[in-house]
C-alpha atoms as a PDB file:
ATOM      1  CA  UNK A   1      -0.016  -0.055  -0.015  1.00  0.00           C
ATOM      2  CA  UNK A   2       1.233   3.479  -0.865  1.00  0.00           C
ATOM      3  CA  UNK A   3       2.552   5.294   2.067  1.00  0.00           C
ATOM      4  CA  UNK A   4       0.342   8.303   1.375  1.00  0.00           C
ATOM      5  CA  UNK A   5      -2.758   6.259   1.371  1.00  0.00           C
ATOM      6  CA  UNK A   6      -1.733   4.465   4.427  1.00  0.00           C
ATOM      7  CA  UNK A   7      -1.289   7.792   6.269  1.00  0.00           C
ATOM      8  CA  UNK A   8      -4.505   9.129   5.017  1.00  0.00           C
ATOM      9  CA  UNK A   9      -6.316   6.059   6.296  1.00  0.00           C
ATOM     10  CA  UNK A  10      -4.685   6.432   9.614  1.00  0.00           C
ATOM     11  CA  UNK A  11      -5.700  10.020   9.796  1.00  0.00           C
ATOM     12  CA  UNK A  12      -9.264   9.396   8.902  1.00  0.00           C
ATOM     13  CA  UNK A  13      -9.374   6.644  11.550  1.00  0.00           C
ATOM     14  CA  UNK A  14      -7.807   8.823  14.203  1.00  0.00           C
ATOM     15  CA  UNK A  15     -10.155  11.759  13.366  1.00  0.00           C
ATOM     16  CA  UNK A  16     -13.147   9.351  13.824  1.00  0.00           C
ATOM     17  CA  UNK A  17     -11.684   8.054  17.119  1.00  0.00           C
ATOM     18  CA  UNK A  18     -10.993  11.709  18.414  1.00  0.00           C
ATOM     19  CA  UNK A  19     -14.710  12.624  17.478  1.00  0.00           C
ATOM     20  CA  UNK A  20     -16.118   9.763  19.458  1.00  0.00           C
ATOM     21  CA  UNK A  21     -13.920  10.321  22.510  1.00  0.00           C
ATOM     22  CA  UNK A  22     -14.842  13.796  23.016  1.00  0.00           C
ATOM     23  CA  UNK A  23     -16.944  15.780  20.334  1.00  0.00           C
ATOM     24  CA  UNK A  24     -16.149  19.239  22.147  1.00  0.00           C
ATOM     25  CA  UNK A  25     -12.550  18.737  21.332  1.00  0.00           C
ATOM     26  CA  UNK A  26     -12.892  17.748  17.740  1.00  0.00           C
ATOM     27  CA  UNK A  27     -14.971  20.892  17.009  1.00  0.00           C
ATOM     28  CA  UNK A  28     -11.904  22.929  18.457  1.00  0.00           C
ATOM     29  CA  UNK A  29      -8.860  20.991  17.460  1.00  0.00           C
ATOM     30  CA  UNK A  30      -8.854  18.888  14.312  1.00  0.00           C
ATOM     31  CA  UNK A  31      -6.387  15.987  13.338  1.00  0.00           C
ATOM     32  CA  UNK A  32      -4.979  18.287  10.653  1.00  0.00           C
ATOM     33  CA  UNK A  33      -4.136  20.914  13.188  1.00  0.00           C
ATOM     34  CA  UNK A  34      -2.298  18.307  15.388  1.00  0.00           C
ATOM     35  CA  UNK A  35      -0.537  17.235  12.267  1.00  0.00           C
ATOM     36  CA  UNK A  36       0.524  20.672  11.408  1.00  0.00           C
ATOM     37  CA  UNK A  37       1.687  21.111  15.161  1.00  0.00           C
ATOM     38  CA  UNK A  38       3.879  17.941  14.654  1.00  0.00           C
ATOM     39  CA  UNK A  39       5.398  19.369  11.384  1.00  0.00           C
ATOM     40  CA  UNK A  40       5.996  22.657  12.909  1.00  0.00           C
ATOM     41  CA  UNK A  41       8.090  21.279  15.775  1.00  0.00           C
ATOM     42  CA  UNK A  42       9.603  18.573  13.683  1.00  0.00           C
ATOM     43  CA  UNK A  43       8.053  15.765  15.612  1.00  0.00           C
ATOM     44  CA  UNK A  44       7.657  12.392  14.158  1.00  0.00           C
ATOM     45  CA  UNK A  45       3.938  11.113  13.446  1.00  0.00           C
ATOM     46  CA  UNK A  46       3.640   8.384  16.023  1.00  0.00           C
ATOM     47  CA  UNK A  47       1.993   5.069  15.450  1.00  0.00           C
ATOM     48  CA  UNK A  48      -1.887   4.919  15.504  1.00  0.00           C
ATOM     49  CA  UNK A  49      -2.445   4.253  19.103  1.00  0.00           C
ATOM     50  CA  UNK A  50       0.019   6.781  20.199  1.00  0.00           C
ATOM     51  CA  UNK A  51      -1.209   9.376  17.654  1.00  0.00           C
ATOM     52  CA  UNK A  52      -4.708   9.206  19.131  1.00  0.00           C
ATOM     53  CA  UNK A  53      -3.323   9.573  22.630  1.00  0.00           C
ATOM     54  CA  UNK A  54      -0.986  12.440  21.919  1.00  0.00           C
ATOM     55  CA  UNK A  55      -3.657  14.284  19.717  1.00  0.00           C
ATOM     56  CA  UNK A  56      -6.034  14.106  22.700  1.00  0.00           C
ATOM     57  CA  UNK A  57      -3.611  15.470  25.008  1.00  0.00           C
ATOM     58  CA  UNK A  58      -2.853  18.289  22.458  1.00  0.00           C
ATOM     59  CA  UNK A  59      -6.519  19.019  21.945  1.00  0.00           C
ATOM     60  CA  UNK A  60      -7.106  19.152  25.809  1.00  0.00           C
ATOM     61  CA  UNK A  61      -4.169  21.566  26.060  1.00  0.00           C
ATOM     62  CA  UNK A  62      -5.262  23.894  23.359  1.00  0.00           C
ATOM     63  CA  UNK A  63      -8.832  24.004  24.826  1.00  0.00           C
ATOM     64  CA  UNK A  64      -7.149  24.928  28.277  1.00  0.00           C
ATOM     65  CA  UNK A  65      -4.998  27.452  26.627  1.00  0.00           C
ATOM     66  CA  UNK A  66      -8.178  29.088  24.805  1.00  0.00           C
ATOM     67  CA  UNK A  67     -10.083  29.247  27.958  1.00  0.00           C
ATOM     68  CA  UNK A  68      -7.140  30.861  29.918  1.00  0.00           C
ATOM     69  CA  UNK A  69      -6.319  33.359  27.151  1.00  0.00           C
ATOM     70  CA  UNK A  70      -9.919  34.421  26.760  1.00  0.00           C
ATOM     71  CA  UNK A  71     -10.292  35.214  30.622  1.00  0.00           C
ATOM     72  CA  UNK A  72     -10.016  38.866  30.979  1.00  0.00           C
ATOM     73  CA  UNK A  73      -8.887  38.338  34.685  1.00  0.00           C
ATOM     74  CA  UNK A  74      -5.690  36.773  33.434  1.00  0.00           C
ATOM     75  CA  UNK A  75      -2.626  39.088  32.800  1.00  0.00           C
ATOM     76  CA  UNK A  76      -0.476  36.555  31.012  1.00  0.00           C
ATOM     77  CA  UNK A  77      -1.057  34.258  28.018  1.00  0.00           C
ATOM     78  CA  UNK A  78      -0.407  30.608  27.349  1.00  0.00           C
ATOM     79  CA  UNK A  79       1.002  29.354  24.020  1.00  0.00           C
ATOM     80  CA  UNK A  80       1.531  26.201  22.160  1.00  0.00           C
ATOM     81  CA  UNK A  81       5.074  24.874  22.283  1.00  0.00           C
ATOM     82  CA  UNK A  82       6.935  21.587  21.478  1.00  0.00           C
ATOM     83  CA  UNK A  83       5.705  20.066  24.827  1.00  0.00           C
ATOM     84  CA  UNK A  84       1.865  20.692  24.289  1.00  0.00           C
ATOM     85  CA  UNK A  85       1.168  17.097  23.496  1.00  0.00           C
ATOM     86  CA  UNK A  86       2.981  15.743  26.562  1.00  0.00           C
ATOM     87  CA  UNK A  87       1.611  15.184  30.111  1.00  0.00           C
ATOM     88  CA  UNK A  88       3.046  16.979  33.236  1.00  0.00           C
ATOM     89  CA  UNK A  89       4.927  13.901  34.196  1.00  0.00           C
END
């Protein structure tokens, strides 16, 4: 199977899983946004199970960041960096 088709199939499967895991997140952060994040920070695309897990962590972080940054009581901003798809551990 061509690598491009295999990657496309993986992405579509991941998007479907992300949507079923938490619809709110899939509306805010898409799989293509996560893949753009990986490319920006020169991170490898992980295997399917890890891709799903890391993209979920990334989506949760982006939602947390958007909530924080939209709060007028906050006097500092959060941003995305190379650690945004990792846990605190």
